[in-house]
Protein backbone atom coordinates (compact mmCIF):
# COMPACT_ATOMS: atom_id res chain seq x y z
CA MET A 1 24.79 -19.93 -12.43
CA ILE A 2 23.69 -18.29 -9.18
CA GLU A 3 23.60 -14.90 -10.89
CA GLU A 4 21.31 -16.32 -13.57
CA GLN A 5 18.92 -17.69 -10.94
CA ASN A 6 18.76 -14.34 -9.13
CA SER A 7 18.02 -12.40 -12.31
CA GLN A 8 15.32 -14.90 -13.31
CA THR A 9 13.66 -14.56 -9.91
CA LYS A 10 13.62 -10.77 -10.14
CA ARG A 11 12.08 -10.84 -13.62
CA LYS A 12 9.57 -13.54 -12.71
CA TYR A 13 8.02 -11.56 -9.84
CA ALA A 14 8.69 -7.98 -10.94
CA TRP A 15 5.03 -7.54 -11.87
CA VAL A 16 4.01 -7.92 -8.20
CA ASP A 17 5.66 -4.63 -7.21
CA LYS A 18 3.93 -2.79 -10.03
CA TRP A 19 0.58 -4.42 -9.24
CA ALA A 20 0.82 -3.54 -5.53
CA LYS A 21 1.63 0.09 -6.33
CA MET A 22 -1.28 0.32 -8.77
CA THR A 23 -3.64 -1.22 -6.20
CA GLY A 24 -2.63 1.37 -3.60
CA GLU A 25 -3.11 4.21 -6.07
CA ARG A 26 -6.56 2.87 -6.98
CA ALA A 27 -7.49 2.67 -3.29
CA ARG A 28 -6.57 6.34 -2.85
CA ILE A 29 -8.69 7.31 -5.86
CA ASP A 30 -11.68 5.33 -4.54
CA ALA A 31 -11.28 6.81 -1.05
CA LYS A 32 -11.26 10.32 -2.47
CA ALA A 33 -14.32 9.65 -4.65
CA ASN A 34 -16.26 8.18 -1.70
CA ASN A 35 -14.89 10.57 0.96
CA THR A 36 -13.50 7.70 3.04
CA TYR A 37 -10.02 6.71 4.15
CA ILE A 38 -7.55 3.92 3.50
CA ILE A 39 -5.60 1.96 6.09
CA TYR A 40 -2.09 0.73 5.51
CA GLU A 41 1.14 -0.02 7.34
CA LYS A 42 3.75 2.71 7.58
CA ASP A 43 6.96 2.30 9.57
CA GLY A 44 5.54 -0.80 11.30
CA HIS A 45 2.31 0.87 12.45
CA LEU A 46 -1.16 0.97 10.94
CA VAL A 47 -2.29 4.42 9.81
CA LYS A 48 -5.37 5.99 8.25
CA GLU A 49 -4.93 8.27 5.25
CA PHE A 50 -7.79 10.63 4.50
CA PRO A 51 -8.56 12.12 1.08
CA ASP A 52 -7.16 15.50 2.17
CA GLY A 53 -3.75 13.88 2.78
CA GLN A 54 -4.00 13.79 6.57
CA ILE A 55 -2.36 10.65 8.04
CA VAL A 56 -3.25 9.58 11.59
CA PRO A 57 -2.18 6.48 13.56
CA LEU A 58 -4.81 3.78 13.91
CA ASN A 59 -5.82 3.19 17.51
CA LYS A 60 -5.22 -0.43 18.60
CA GLU A 61 -8.56 -0.67 20.45
CA GLY A 62 -10.45 0.46 17.37
CA ASP A 63 -10.95 3.92 15.99
CA ASN A 64 -14.40 5.44 15.51
């Protein structure tokens, strides 16, 4: 019975992983089209990713 509950949970929320991935891909496309950057968490730190693929850490005080 526990195995059935685990498999139901995985199927019920499997769409969230796909949706999150698609949202990130769309953000990259929009950033490239508008020559801006996206911010996301990588290895526990916030980073900026530029359209050219450059990834820089986000400064905690604010980055200009």
